[in-house]
Amino acid sequence: MKFRHAPAPHLAPPNSVALVMRQVLYALVPAAVCYVWFFGPGLIINMLIACTTALAAEAAMLYLRGRPVRKYLGDHSAVLAGVLLAFAIPPLTPWWVTATGALFAIVFAKQLFGGLGYNPFNPAMAGYVVLLVSFPVHMTAWLPPDVDGLAQVDFSLWQTLVIIFSGQLPPGLSWDAITTATPLDRVKTGLSLMQTISEIRQHPLFGDFGGRGWEWLANAFAAGGLWLLYKGVIRWHIPFSMIVSLLFIATLAYLVDPGSHPSPAFHLFSGATLIGAFFIATDPVSAATTDKGRLIYGAGIGVLTYIIRSWGGYPDGVAFAVLIMNMTVPLIDKYTVPRVYGHER
């Protein structure tokens, strides 16, 4: 009797790329709900545009490269890149800007390097930075949170669709009237006008720690990130070292001159700190792979984020910090390889 058997390995791995990507998407659901609650339904439309463009670009590139399209589309990595990009841009971003960012993320930052597993840079952040540099006006048109009268108008889903696809506001409204600076941008602008932190924080946009609405969004990202840690989808090293390094340098600056430097809590609950720590910096492809390397990698992102926020030309620095540290990953991995037991270095 002839027994058929397959070659090793004979045990199926507990995780797959598709499962990991789905779990990350699930962890972003609380933040998506919070975002829509405070800033309107634009996020959902931007997600659809970004994900559709990302999937189409991925399918086209896989076809041109002679790779199985259905197999690689099913790993959900393109969808995750589109979702992260949608979180990073204002809710009323024109559709063609969103599509451009998703197209660059998939074609130039991912597929031209060889696809998933070969891209040295985080695709979503690469696409976001290209948009930020190329279309600064559109990328700074943020709506104020819909809380205590800060929002001048509450757009419906249909009105949001019309604005995103036509670029036209309803009669009687202007972009200057309905948009506002983010908390990080308002702090940077206020300091450049020689205002103190206490004077800047008198604006109703600010809450207990960061910006009103943005604080709750940061908490939602943290909740999703903690769930990923609990499920073992991500390791603790990068979020821990990024947050600790950012808080450490922010605390030192705050103690030296609290009038010119925001509190550590402001840095933690503002901008992309928490989505960066749990969902962006932990990208398994573009991040460091050793435990010691992850600590160095995360700490570098935290320090660079603070430097860019304090002295750079952009209010937030998470995306730039991640891309800069992506370039250092080969060097970090080379010098943090753990010693093999039974062998000397």
C-alpha atoms as a PDB file:
ATOM      1  CA  MET A   1       0.000   0.000   0.000  1.00  0.00           C
ATOM      2  CA  LYS A   2       1.416   3.367  -0.964  1.00  0.00           C
ATOM      3  CA  PHE A   3       1.018   6.267   1.454  1.00  0.00           C
ATOM      4  CA  ARG A   4       1.076   9.772   0.114  1.00  0.00           C
ATOM      5  CA  HIS A   5       2.669  12.447   2.225  1.00  0.00           C
ATOM      6  CA  ALA A   6       3.540  16.056   1.649  1.00  0.00           C
ATOM      7  CA  PRO A   7       6.987  17.507   2.322  1.00  0.00           C
ATOM      8  CA  ALA A   8       7.675  19.346   5.563  1.00  0.00           C
ATOM      9  CA  PRO A   9       6.484  21.379   7.298  1.00  0.00           C
ATOM     10  CA  HIS A  10       3.511  19.275   8.354  1.00  0.00           C
ATOM     11  CA  LEU A  11       2.094  21.740  10.898  1.00  0.00           C
ATOM     12  CA  ALA A  12       0.105  24.697   9.596  1.00  0.00           C
ATOM     13  CA  PRO A  13       1.309  28.053  10.999  1.00  0.00           C
ATOM     14  CA  PRO A  14      -1.128  29.649  13.474  1.00  0.00           C
ATOM     15  CA  ASN A  15      -1.018  32.990  11.635  1.00  0.00           C
ATOM     16  CA  SER A  16      -0.988  34.111   8.028  1.00  0.00           C
ATOM     17  CA  VAL A  17      -0.388  37.463   6.386  1.00  0.00           C
ATOM     18  CA  ALA A  18      -4.089  37.836   5.619  1.00  0.00           C
ATOM     19  CA  LEU A  19      -5.084  37.043   9.217  1.00  0.00           C
ATOM     20  CA  VAL A  20      -2.588  39.512  10.663  1.00  0.00           C
ATOM     21  CA  MET A  21      -3.739  42.253   8.304  1.00  0.00           C
ATOM     22  CA  ARG A  22      -7.387  41.592   9.163  1.00  0.00           C
ATOM     23  CA  GLN A  23      -6.639  41.809  12.874  1.00  0.00           C
ATOM     24  CA  VAL A  24      -4.931  45.168  12.380  1.00  0.00           C
ATOM     25  CA  LEU A  25      -7.961  46.384  10.417  1.00  0.00           C
ATOM     26  CA  TYR A  26     -10.270  45.190  13.213  1.00  0.00           C
ATOM     27  CA  ALA A  27      -8.163  47.103  15.743  1.00  0.00           C
ATOM     28  CA  LEU A  28      -8.722  50.313  13.752  1.00  0.00           C
ATOM     29  CA  VAL A  29     -12.523  50.076  13.975  1.00  0.00           C
ATOM     30  CA  PRO A  30     -12.837  52.003  17.302  1.00  0.00           C
ATOM     31  CA  ALA A  31     -10.686  54.805  15.903  1.00  0.00           C
ATOM     32  CA  ALA A  32     -12.761  54.900  12.700  1.00  0.00           C
ATOM     33  CA  VAL A  33     -15.985  55.227  14.707  1.00  0.00           C
ATOM     34  CA  CYS A  34     -14.447  57.979  16.844  1.00  0.00           C
ATOM     35  CA  TYR A  35     -13.112  59.808  13.783  1.00  0.00           C
ATOM     36  CA  VAL A  36     -16.515  59.821  12.067  1.00  0.00           C
ATOM     37  CA  TRP A  37     -18.202  60.939  15.291  1.00  0.00           C
ATOM     38  CA  PHE A  38     -16.006  64.025  15.679  1.00  0.00           C
ATOM     39  CA  PHE A  39     -14.993  64.867  12.099  1.00  0.00           C
ATOM     40  CA  GLY A  40     -17.794  63.567   9.900  1.00  0.00           C
ATOM     41  CA  PRO A  41     -18.168  60.782   7.314  1.00  0.00           C
ATOM     42  CA  GLY A  42     -15.297  61.943   5.099  1.00  0.00           C
ATOM     43  CA  LEU A  43     -13.041  59.209   6.486  1.00  0.00           C
ATOM     44  CA  ILE A  44     -15.299  56.467   5.122  1.00  0.00           C
ATOM     45  CA  ILE A  45     -15.307  58.002   1.640  1.00  0.00           C
ATOM     46  CA  ASN A  46     -11.542  58.506   1.716  1.00  0.00           C
ATOM     47  CA  MET A  47     -11.103  54.886   2.793  1.00  0.00           C
ATOM     48  CA  LEU A  48     -13.170  53.662  -0.146  1.00  0.00           C
ATOM     49  CA  ILE A  49     -11.215  55.826  -2.597  1.00  0.00           C
ATOM     50  CA  ALA A  50      -7.822  54.885  -1.171  1.00  0.00           C
ATOM     51  CA  CYS A  51      -8.575  51.166  -0.892  1.00  0.00           C
ATOM     52  CA  THR A  52     -10.103  50.960  -4.379  1.00  0.00           C
ATOM     53  CA  THR A  53      -7.113  52.748  -5.896  1.00  0.00           C
ATOM     54  CA  ALA A  54      -4.664  50.638  -3.890  1.00  0.00           C
ATOM     55  CA  LEU A  55      -6.296  47.364  -4.940  1.00  0.00           C
ATOM     56  CA  ALA A  56      -6.465  48.423  -8.591  1.00  0.00           C
ATOM     57  CA  ALA A  57      -2.820  49.519  -8.569  1.00  0.00           C
ATOM     58  CA  GLU A  58      -1.755  46.323  -6.834  1.00  0.00           C
ATOM     59  CA  ALA A  59      -3.661  44.156  -9.333  1.00  0.00           C
ATOM     60  CA  ALA A  60      -2.176  46.016 -12.302  1.00  0.00           C
ATOM     61  CA  MET A  61       1.378  45.757 -10.972  1.00  0.00           C
ATOM     62  CA  LEU A  62       1.017  42.084 -10.097  1.00  0.00           C
ATOM     63  CA  TYR A  63      -0.297  41.386 -13.600  1.00  0.00           C
ATOM     64  CA  LEU A  64       2.582  43.268 -15.198  1.00  0.00           C
ATOM     65  CA  ARG A  65       5.078  41.414 -13.004  1.00  0.00           C
ATOM     66  CA  GLY A  66       3.561  38.040 -13.836  1.00  0.00           C
ATOM     67  CA  ARG A  67       2.495  37.290 -10.267  1.00  0.00           C
ATOM     68  CA  PRO A  68      -0.780  35.598  -9.202  1.00  0.00           C
ATOM     69  CA  VAL A  69      -3.178  38.504  -8.730  1.00  0.00           C
ATOM     70  CA  ARG A  70      -5.852  36.832  -6.610  1.00  0.00           C
ATOM     71  CA  LYS A  71      -3.343  35.312  -4.200  1.00  0.00           C
ATOM     72  CA  TYR A  72      -1.580  38.571  -3.364  1.00  0.00           C
ATOM     73  CA  LEU A  73      -4.685  40.728  -3.348  1.00  0.00           C
ATOM     74  CA  GLY A  74      -6.094  38.390  -0.722  1.00  0.00           C
ATOM     75  CA  ASP A  75      -3.427  39.256   1.847  1.00  0.00           C
ATOM     76  CA  HIS A  76      -5.213  42.600   2.566  1.00  0.00           C
ATOM     77  CA  SER A  77      -1.942  44.532   2.737  1.00  0.00           C
ATOM     78  CA  ALA A  78      -3.095  46.981   0.045  1.00  0.00           C
ATOM     79  CA  VAL A  79      -6.353  47.552   1.930  1.00  0.00           C
ATOM     80  CA  LEU A  80      -4.472  48.290   5.149  1.00  0.00           C
ATOM     81  CA  ALA A  81      -2.220  50.789   3.353  1.00  0.00           C
ATOM     82  CA  GLY A  82      -5.302  52.548   1.984  1.00  0.00           C
ATOM     83  CA  VAL A  83      -6.986  52.667   5.388  1.00  0.00           C
ATOM     84  CA  LEU A  84      -3.897  54.094   7.121  1.00  0.00           C
ATOM     85  CA  LEU A  85      -3.538  56.710   4.394  1.00  0.00           C
ATOM     86  CA  ALA A  86      -7.189  57.711   4.837  1.00  0.00           C
ATOM     87  CA  PHE A  87      -6.639  58.236   8.564  1.00  0.00           C
ATOM     88  CA  ALA A  88      -3.696  60.543   7.847  1.00  0.00           C
ATOM     89  CA  ILE A  89      -5.451  62.984   5.509  1.00  0.00           C
ATOM     90  CA  PRO A  90      -8.201  65.575   6.168  1.00  0.00           C
ATOM     91  CA  PRO A  91     -11.777  64.317   5.830  1.00  0.00           C
ATOM     92  CA  LEU A  92     -12.642  66.576   2.858  1.00  0.00           C
ATOM     93  CA  THR A  93      -9.526  65.833   0.812  1.00  0.00           C
ATOM     94  CA  PRO A  94     -10.321  65.859  -2.944  1.00  0.00           C
ATOM     95  CA  TRP A  95     -10.674  62.378  -4.388  1.00  0.00           C
ATOM     96  CA  TRP A  96      -7.801  62.790  -6.829  1.00  0.00           C
ATOM     97  CA  VAL A  97      -5.394  63.709  -4.012  1.00  0.00           C
ATOM     98  CA  THR A  98      -6.357  60.584  -2.067  1.00  0.00           C
ATOM     99  CA  ALA A  99      -6.050  58.433  -5.183  1.00  0.00           C
ATOM    100  CA  THR A 100      -2.621  59.903  -5.948  1.00  0.00           C
ATOM    101  CA  GLY A 101      -1.355  59.026  -2.483  1.00  0.00           C
ATOM    102  CA  ALA A 102      -2.659  55.466  -2.667  1.00  0.00           C
ATOM    103  CA  LEU A 103      -1.218  55.029  -6.164  1.00  0.00           C
ATOM    104  CA  PHE A 104       2.237  56.178  -5.075  1.00  0.00           C
ATOM    105  CA  ALA A 105       2.109  54.023  -1.948  1.00  0.00           C
ATOM    106  CA  ILE A 106       1.419  50.817  -3.866  1.00  0.00           C
ATOM    107  CA  VAL A 107       3.284  51.347  -7.133  1.00  0.00           C
ATOM    108  CA  PHE A 108       6.411  53.232  -6.075  1.00  0.00           C
ATOM    109  CA  ALA A 109       6.802  52.430  -2.378  1.00  0.00           C
ATOM    110  CA  LYS A 110       5.768  48.769  -2.556  1.00  0.00           C
ATOM    111  CA  GLN A 111       5.558  46.964  -5.902  1.00  0.00           C
ATOM    112  CA  LEU A 112       8.594  48.525  -7.598  1.00  0.00           C
ATOM    113  CA  PHE A 113      10.691  47.217  -4.708  1.00  0.00           C
ATOM    114  CA  GLY A 114       9.331  43.702  -5.174  1.00  0.00           C
ATOM    115  CA  GLY A 115       6.033  43.719  -3.304  1.00  0.00           C
ATOM    116  CA  LEU A 116       5.143  42.794   0.246  1.00  0.00           C
ATOM    117  CA  GLY A 117       8.181  41.688   2.191  1.00  0.00           C
ATOM    118  CA  TYR A 118      10.671  43.635   0.067  1.00  0.00           C
ATOM    119  CA  ASN A 119       9.598  47.262   0.485  1.00  0.00           C
ATOM    120  CA  PRO A 120      12.099  49.191   2.650  1.00  0.00           C
ATOM    121  CA  PHE A 121       9.662  52.033   3.374  1.00  0.00           C
ATOM    122  CA  ASN A 122       6.223  52.050   4.927  1.00  0.00           C
ATOM    123  CA  PRO A 123       3.939  52.431   1.869  1.00  0.00           C
ATOM    124  CA  ALA A 124       1.181  54.401   3.588  1.00  0.00           C
ATOM    125  CA  MET A 125       3.617  56.918   5.069  1.00  0.00           C
ATOM    126  CA  ALA A 126       5.463  57.256   1.775  1.00  0.00           C
ATOM    127  CA  GLY A 127       2.192  58.094   0.049  1.00  0.00           C
ATOM    128  CA  TYR A 128       1.222  60.521   2.805  1.00  0.00           C
ATOM    129  CA  VAL A 129       4.532  62.403   2.700  1.00  0.00           C
ATOM    130  CA  VAL A 130       4.288  62.767  -1.086  1.00  0.00           C
ATOM    131  CA  LEU A 131       0.834  64.322  -0.648  1.00  0.00           C
ATOM    132  CA  LEU A 132       1.991  66.567   2.186  1.00  0.00           C
ATOM    133  CA  VAL A 133       4.879  67.932   0.129  1.00  0.00           C
ATOM    134  CA  SER A 134       2.949  68.161  -3.152  1.00  0.00           C
ATOM    135  CA  PHE A 135      -0.449  69.447  -1.978  1.00  0.00           C
ATOM    136  CA  PRO A 136       0.121  71.366   1.286  1.00  0.00           C
ATOM    137  CA  VAL A 137      -3.081  73.405   0.984  1.00  0.00           C
ATOM    138  CA  HIS A 138      -5.334  70.359   0.656  1.00  0.00           C
ATOM    139  CA  MET A 139      -3.430  68.466   3.364  1.00  0.00           C
ATOM    140  CA  THR A 140      -3.949  71.207   5.968  1.00  0.00           C
ATOM    141  CA  ALA A 141      -7.698  71.715   5.402  1.00  0.00           C
ATOM    142  CA  TRP A 142      -8.811  69.980   8.594  1.00  0.00           C
ATOM    143  CA  LEU A 143     -12.319  70.338   9.973  1.00  0.00           C
ATOM    144  CA  PRO A 144     -12.685  71.286  13.641  1.00  0.00           C
ATOM    145  CA  PRO A 145     -14.164  68.586  15.864  1.00  0.00           C
ATOM    146  CA  ASP A 146     -17.947  68.552  16.158  1.00  0.00           C
ATOM    147  CA  VAL A 147     -18.009  69.375  19.862  1.00  0.00           C
ATOM    148  CA  ASP A 148     -19.386  72.389  21.774  1.00  0.00           C
ATOM    149  CA  GLY A 149     -19.949  74.489  18.676  1.00  0.00           C
ATOM    150  CA  LEU A 150     -16.403  74.306  17.305  1.00  0.00           C
ATOM    151  CA  ALA A 151     -17.646  73.002  13.956  1.00  0.00           C
ATOM    152  CA  GLN A 152     -19.309  75.735  11.884  1.00  0.00           C
ATOM    153  CA  VAL A 153     -21.363  73.266   9.841  1.00  0.00           C
ATOM    154  CA  ASP A 154     -22.268  69.599  10.061  1.00  0.00           C
ATOM    155  CA  PHE A 155     -22.003  68.090   6.581  1.00  0.00           C
ATOM    156  CA  SER A 156     -24.221  65.167   5.650  1.00  0.00           C
ATOM    157  CA  LEU A 157     -22.919  62.119   3.827  1.00  0.00           C
ATOM    158  CA  TRP A 158     -24.255  63.417   0.511  1.00  0.00           C
ATOM    159  CA  GLN A 159     -22.735  66.887   1.027  1.00  0.00           C
ATOM    160  CA  THR A 160     -19.411  65.275   1.908  1.00  0.00           C
ATOM    161  CA  LEU A 161     -19.517  63.193  -1.277  1.00  0.00           C
ATOM    162  CA  VAL A 162     -20.211  66.272  -3.386  1.00  0.00           C
ATOM    163  CA  ILE A 163     -17.372  68.252  -1.793  1.00  0.00           C
ATOM    164  CA  ILE A 164     -14.838  65.438  -2.170  1.00  0.00           C
ATOM    165  CA  PHE A 165     -15.690  64.675  -5.812  1.00  0.00           C
ATOM    166  CA  SER A 166     -16.434  68.208  -7.041  1.00  0.00           C
ATOM    167  CA  GLY A 167     -14.245  70.337  -4.807  1.00  0.00           C
ATOM    168  CA  GLN A 168     -17.112  72.795  -4.346  1.00  0.00           C
ATOM    169  CA  LEU A 169     -18.551  73.856  -1.002  1.00  0.00           C
ATOM    170  CA  PRO A 170     -22.266  74.591  -0.489  1.00  0.00           C
ATOM    171  CA  PRO A 171     -23.262  78.198  -1.317  1.00  0.00           C
ATOM    172  CA  GLY A 172     -22.276  80.736   1.322  1.00  0.00           C
ATOM    173  CA  LEU A 173     -19.383  78.726   2.730  1.00  0.00           C
ATOM    174  CA  SER A 174     -15.641  79.151   2.265  1.00  0.00           C
ATOM    175  CA  TRP A 175     -12.731  76.890   3.160  1.00  0.00           C
ATOM    176  CA  ASP A 176     -11.358  79.459   5.600  1.00  0.00           C
ATOM    177  CA  ALA A 177     -14.670  79.487   7.437  1.00  0.00           C
ATOM    178  CA  ILE A 178     -15.078  75.727   7.885  1.00  0.00           C
ATOM    179  CA  THR A 179     -11.464  74.578   8.412  1.00  0.00           C
ATOM    180  CA  THR A 180      -9.062  75.112  11.267  1.00  0.00           C
ATOM    181  CA  ALA A 181      -5.506  74.382  12.275  1.00  0.00           C
ATOM    182  CA  THR A 182      -4.775  71.158  14.108  1.00  0.00           C
ATOM    183  CA  PRO A 183      -3.621  71.449  17.742  1.00  0.00           C
ATOM    184  CA  LEU A 184       0.001  70.814  16.726  1.00  0.00           C
ATOM    185  CA  ASP A 185      -0.200  73.413  13.974  1.00  0.00           C
ATOM    186  CA  ARG A 186      -1.807  75.967  16.273  1.00  0.00           C
ATOM    187  CA  VAL A 187       0.944  75.473  18.861  1.00  0.00           C
ATOM    188  CA  LYS A 188       3.704  75.863  16.254  1.00  0.00           C
ATOM    189  CA  THR A 189       2.074  78.996  14.816  1.00  0.00           C
ATOM    190  CA  GLY A 190       1.463  80.488  18.254  1.00  0.00           C
ATOM    191  CA  LEU A 191       5.056  79.963  19.354  1.00  0.00           C
ATOM    192  CA  SER A 192       6.290  81.615  16.157  1.00  0.00           C
ATOM    193  CA  LEU A 193       4.178  84.658  17.149  1.00  0.00           C
ATOM    194  CA  MET A 194       5.911  84.750  20.559  1.00  0.00           C
ATOM    195  CA  GLN A 195       2.892  83.436  22.467  1.00  0.00           C
ATOM    196  CA  THR A 196       3.346  81.200  25.475  1.00  0.00           C
ATOM    197  CA  ILE A 197       1.916  77.711  25.755  1.00  0.00           C
ATOM    198  CA  SER A 198      -0.590  78.846  28.380  1.00  0.00           C
ATOM    199  CA  GLU A 199      -1.818  81.619  26.054  1.00  0.00           C
ATOM    200  CA  ILE A 200      -2.106  79.229  23.111  1.00  0.00           C
ATOM    201  CA  ARG A 201      -4.096  76.747  25.164  1.00  0.00           C
ATOM    202  CA  GLN A 202      -6.766  79.344  25.896  1.00  0.00           C
ATOM    203  CA  HIS A 203      -8.255  78.543  22.492  1.00  0.00           C
ATOM    204  CA  PRO A 204     -11.418  76.375  22.790  1.00  0.00           C
ATOM    205  CA  LEU A 205      -9.849  73.839  20.433  1.00  0.00           C
ATOM    206  CA  PHE A 206      -7.695  72.471  23.281  1.00  0.00           C
ATOM    207  CA  GLY A 207      -8.883  69.934  25.820  1.00  0.00           C
ATOM    208  CA  ASP A 208      -7.319  68.423  28.922  1.00  0.00           C
ATOM    209  CA  PHE A 209      -4.146  67.223  27.207  1.00  0.00           C
ATOM    210  CA  GLY A 210      -4.320  67.656  23.439  1.00  0.00           C
ATOM    211  CA  GLY A 211      -7.030  68.888  21.109  1.00  0.00           C
ATOM    212  CA  ARG A 212     -10.693  68.260  21.802  1.00  0.00           C
ATOM    213  CA  GLY A 213     -11.821  65.328  19.736  1.00  0.00           C
ATOM    214  CA  TRP A 214      -8.245  64.433  18.858  1.00  0.00           C
ATOM    215  CA  GLU A 215      -7.756  63.235  22.448  1.00  0.00           C
ATOM    216  CA  TRP A 216     -10.564  60.689  22.095  1.00  0.00           C
ATOM    217  CA  LEU A 217      -9.209  59.605  18.729  1.00  0.00           C
ATOM    218  CA  ALA A 218      -5.802  59.012  20.323  1.00  0.00           C
ATOM    219  CA  ASN A 219      -7.447  56.941  23.058  1.00  0.00           C
ATOM    220  CA  ALA A 220      -9.189  54.834  20.411  1.00  0.00           C
ATOM    221  CA  PHE A 221      -5.865  54.172  18.670  1.00  0.00           C
ATOM    222  CA  ALA A 222      -4.350  53.195  22.012  1.00  0.00           C
ATOM    223  CA  ALA A 223      -7.210  50.788  22.723  1.00  0.00           C
ATOM    224  CA  GLY A 224      -6.771  49.127  19.337  1.00  0.00           C
ATOM    225  CA  GLY A 225      -3.023  48.955  19.829  1.00  0.00           C
ATOM    226  CA  LEU A 226      -3.351  47.319  23.232  1.00  0.00           C
ATOM    227  CA  TRP A 227      -5.673  44.728  21.694  1.00  0.00           C
ATOM    228  CA  LEU A 228      -3.016  43.958  19.070  1.00  0.00           C
ATOM    229  CA  LEU A 229      -0.468  43.495  21.847  1.00  0.00           C
ATOM    230  CA  TYR A 230      -2.853  41.186  23.687  1.00  0.00           C
ATOM    231  CA  LYS A 231      -3.437  39.105  20.553  1.00  0.00           C
ATOM    232  CA  GLY A 232       0.296  38.915  19.884  1.00  0.00           C
ATOM    233  CA  VAL A 233      -0.030  40.592  16.482  1.00  0.00           C
ATOM    234  CA  ILE A 234       2.632  43.162  17.381  1.00  0.00           C
ATOM    235  CA  ARG A 235       5.489  43.155  19.902  1.00  0.00           C
ATOM    236  CA  TRP A 236       5.785  45.685  22.711  1.00  0.00           C
ATOM    237  CA  HIS A 237       9.292  46.910  21.921  1.00  0.00           C
ATOM    238  CA  ILE A 238       8.581  49.519  19.221  1.00  0.00           C
ATOM    239  CA  PRO A 239       5.478  51.172  20.793  1.00  0.00           C
ATOM    240  CA  PHE A 240       7.158  51.213  24.208  1.00  0.00           C
ATOM    241  CA  SER A 241      10.450  52.724  23.066  1.00  0.00           C
ATOM    242  CA  MET A 242       8.803  55.240  20.731  1.00  0.00           C
ATOM    243  CA  ILE A 243       6.402  56.535  23.376  1.00  0.00           C
ATOM    244  CA  VAL A 244       8.982  56.538  26.193  1.00  0.00           C
ATOM    245  CA  SER A 245      11.623  58.346  24.123  1.00  0.00           C
ATOM    246  CA  LEU A 246       9.116  60.981  22.965  1.00  0.00           C
ATOM    247  CA  LEU A 247       7.839  61.519  26.520  1.00  0.00           C
ATOM    248  CA  PHE A 248      11.369  61.619  27.947  1.00  0.00           C
ATOM    249  CA  ILE A 249      12.665  64.355  25.672  1.00  0.00           C
ATOM    250  CA  ALA A 250       9.367  66.253  25.884  1.00  0.00           C
ATOM    251  CA  THR A 251       9.528  66.130  29.705  1.00  0.00           C
ATOM    252  CA  LEU A 252      13.084  67.488  29.757  1.00  0.00           C
ATOM    253  CA  ALA A 253      12.157  70.377  27.462  1.00  0.00           C
ATOM    254  CA  TYR A 254       8.970  71.092  29.443  1.00  0.00           C
ATOM    255  CA  LEU A 255      10.855  71.205  32.749  1.00  0.00           C
ATOM    256  CA  VAL A 256      13.440  73.585  31.302  1.00  0.00           C
ATOM    257  CA  ASP A 257      10.928  76.002  29.734  1.00  0.00           C
ATOM    258  CA  PRO A 258       7.211  75.188  30.122  1.00  0.00           C
ATOM    259  CA  GLY A 259       6.292  78.456  28.429  1.00  0.00           C
ATOM    260  CA  SER A 260       7.832  77.436  25.108  1.00  0.00           C
ATOM    261  CA  HIS A 261       7.435  73.677  25.124  1.00  0.00           C
ATOM    262  CA  PRO A 262       4.123  71.776  25.378  1.00  0.00           C
ATOM    263  CA  SER A 263       3.646  69.178  28.080  1.00  0.00           C
ATOM    264  CA  PRO A 264       4.547  65.528  27.466  1.00  0.00           C
ATOM    265  CA  ALA A 265       0.846  64.643  27.602  1.00  0.00           C
ATOM    266  CA  PHE A 266       0.170  67.054  24.739  1.00  0.00           C
ATOM    267  CA  HIS A 267       2.739  65.281  22.563  1.00  0.00           C
ATOM    268  CA  LEU A 268       1.257  61.903  23.469  1.00  0.00           C
ATOM    269  CA  PHE A 269      -2.370  62.773  22.705  1.00  0.00           C
ATOM    270  CA  SER A 270      -1.798  64.995  19.683  1.00  0.00           C
ATOM    271  CA  GLY A 271      -1.071  64.238  16.075  1.00  0.00           C
ATOM    272  CA  ALA A 272      -0.126  60.748  14.947  1.00  0.00           C
ATOM    273  CA  THR A 273       1.761  59.652  18.059  1.00  0.00           C
ATOM    274  CA  LEU A 274      -0.399  56.704  19.044  1.00  0.00           C
ATOM    275  CA  ILE A 275      -1.427  55.529  15.586  1.00  0.00           C
ATOM    276  CA  GLY A 276       2.241  55.781  14.699  1.00  0.00           C
ATOM    277  CA  ALA A 277       3.389  53.813  17.732  1.00  0.00           C
ATOM    278  CA  PHE A 278       0.925  50.935  17.381  1.00  0.00           C
ATOM    279  CA  PHE A 279      -0.052  50.770  13.701  1.00  0.00           C
ATOM    280  CA  ILE A 280       2.641  52.424  11.563  1.00  0.00           C
ATOM    281  CA  ALA A 281       6.028  51.966  13.208  1.00  0.00           C
ATOM    282  CA  THR A 282       5.235  48.300  13.906  1.00  0.00           C
ATOM    283  CA  ASP A 283       5.004  47.411  10.204  1.00  0.00           C
ATOM    284  CA  PRO A 284       6.758  43.999  10.158  1.00  0.00           C
ATOM    285  CA  VAL A 285       8.388  44.581   6.757  1.00  0.00           C
ATOM    286  CA  SER A 286       9.936  48.033   7.104  1.00  0.00           C
ATOM    287  CA  ALA A 287      10.696  47.916  10.854  1.00  0.00           C
ATOM    288  CA  ALA A 288      13.674  46.383  12.651  1.00  0.00           C
ATOM    289  CA  THR A 289      13.431  42.647  13.280  1.00  0.00           C
ATOM    290  CA  THR A 290      15.517  41.968  16.403  1.00  0.00           C
ATOM    291  CA  ASP A 291      14.305  42.798  19.911  1.00  0.00           C
ATOM    292  CA  LYS A 292      17.199  45.161  20.628  1.00  0.00           C
ATOM    293  CA  GLY A 293      16.845  46.608  17.141  1.00  0.00           C
ATOM    294  CA  ARG A 294      13.147  47.309  17.691  1.00  0.00           C
ATOM    295  CA  LEU A 295      13.963  49.279  20.835  1.00  0.00           C
ATOM    296  CA  ILE A 296      16.529  51.375  18.968  1.00  0.00           C
ATOM    297  CA  TYR A 297      14.217  51.799  15.993  1.00  0.00           C
ATOM    298  CA  GLY A 298      11.266  52.944  18.117  1.00  0.00           C
ATOM    299  CA  ALA A 299      13.415  55.283  20.203  1.00  0.00           C
ATOM    300  CA  GLY A 300      14.750  56.899  17.042  1.00  0.00           C
ATOM    301  CA  ILE A 301      11.221  57.540  15.786  1.00  0.00           C
ATOM    302  CA  GLY A 302      10.245  59.126  19.096  1.00  0.00           C
ATOM    303  CA  VAL A 303      13.248  61.452  19.190  1.00  0.00           C
ATOM    304  CA  LEU A 304      12.921  62.444  15.524  1.00  0.00           C
ATOM    305  CA  THR A 305       9.200  63.105  15.986  1.00  0.00           C
ATOM    306  CA  TYR A 306       9.934  65.571  18.768  1.00  0.00           C
ATOM    307  CA  ILE A 307      12.734  67.259  16.811  1.00  0.00           C
ATOM    308  CA  ILE A 308      10.562  67.729  13.728  1.00  0.00           C
ATOM    309  CA  ARG A 309       7.604  68.960  15.760  1.00  0.00           C
ATOM    310  CA  SER A 310       9.741  71.466  17.669  1.00  0.00           C
ATOM    311  CA  TRP A 311      12.144  72.761  15.010  1.00  0.00           C
ATOM    312  CA  GLY A 312      11.024  71.327  11.669  1.00  0.00           C
ATOM    313  CA  GLY A 313       8.846  72.870   9.021  1.00  0.00           C
ATOM    314  CA  TYR A 314       5.850  70.571   9.637  1.00  0.00           C
ATOM    315  CA  PRO A 315       3.606  70.457  12.721  1.00  0.00           C
ATOM    316  CA  ASP A 316       3.783  66.670  13.058  1.00  0.00           C
ATOM    317  CA  GLY A 317       6.797  64.505  12.388  1.00  0.00           C
ATOM    318  CA  VAL A 318       5.713  60.882  12.783  1.00  0.00           C
ATOM    319  CA  ALA A 319       5.589  60.071   9.054  1.00  0.00           C
ATOM    320  CA  PHE A 320       8.984  61.645   8.350  1.00  0.00           C
ATOM    321  CA  ALA A 321      10.497  60.007  11.427  1.00  0.00           C
ATOM    322  CA  VAL A 322       9.241  56.565  10.371  1.00  0.00           C
ATOM    323  CA  LEU A 323      10.633  56.934   6.843  1.00  0.00           C
ATOM    324  CA  ILE A 324      14.005  58.151   8.119  1.00  0.00           C
ATOM    325  CA  MET A 325      14.271  55.243  10.535  1.00  0.00           C
ATOM    326  CA  ASN A 326      13.194  52.851   7.766  1.00  0.00           C
ATOM    327  CA  MET A 327      16.476  53.758   6.057  1.00  0.00           C
ATOM    328  CA  THR A 328      18.444  52.764   9.160  1.00  0.00           C
ATOM    329  CA  VAL A 329      16.836  49.340   9.573  1.00  0.00           C
ATOM    330  CA  PRO A 330      19.483  47.342   7.635  1.00  0.00           C
ATOM    331  CA  LEU A 331      22.233  48.883   9.775  1.00  0.00           C
ATOM    332  CA  ILE A 332      20.294  48.362  13.005  1.00  0.00           C
ATOM    333  CA  ASP A 333      19.570  44.718  12.173  1.00  0.00           C
ATOM    334  CA  LYS A 334      23.192  44.102  11.229  1.00  0.00           C
ATOM    335  CA  TYR A 335      24.557  45.237  14.589  1.00  0.00           C
ATOM    336  CA  THR A 336      21.802  43.839  16.821  1.00  0.00           C
ATOM    337  CA  VAL A 337      21.782  40.216  15.633  1.00  0.00           C
ATOM    338  CA  PRO A 338      21.490  38.092  18.798  1.00  0.00           C
ATOM    339  CA  ARG A 339      24.345  35.752  19.612  1.00  0.00           C
ATOM    340  CA  VAL A 340      23.796  32.162  18.586  1.00  0.00           C
ATOM    341  CA  TYR A 341      24.148  29.850  21.585  1.00  0.00           C
ATOM    342  CA  GLY A 342      27.310  27.802  21.410  1.00  0.00           C
ATOM    343  CA  HIS A 343      29.120  30.328  19.228  1.00  0.00           C
ATOM    344  CA  GLU A 344      31.306  33.273  20.138  1.00  0.00           C
ATOM    345  CA  ARG A 345      30.871  36.600  18.438  1.00  0.00           C
END
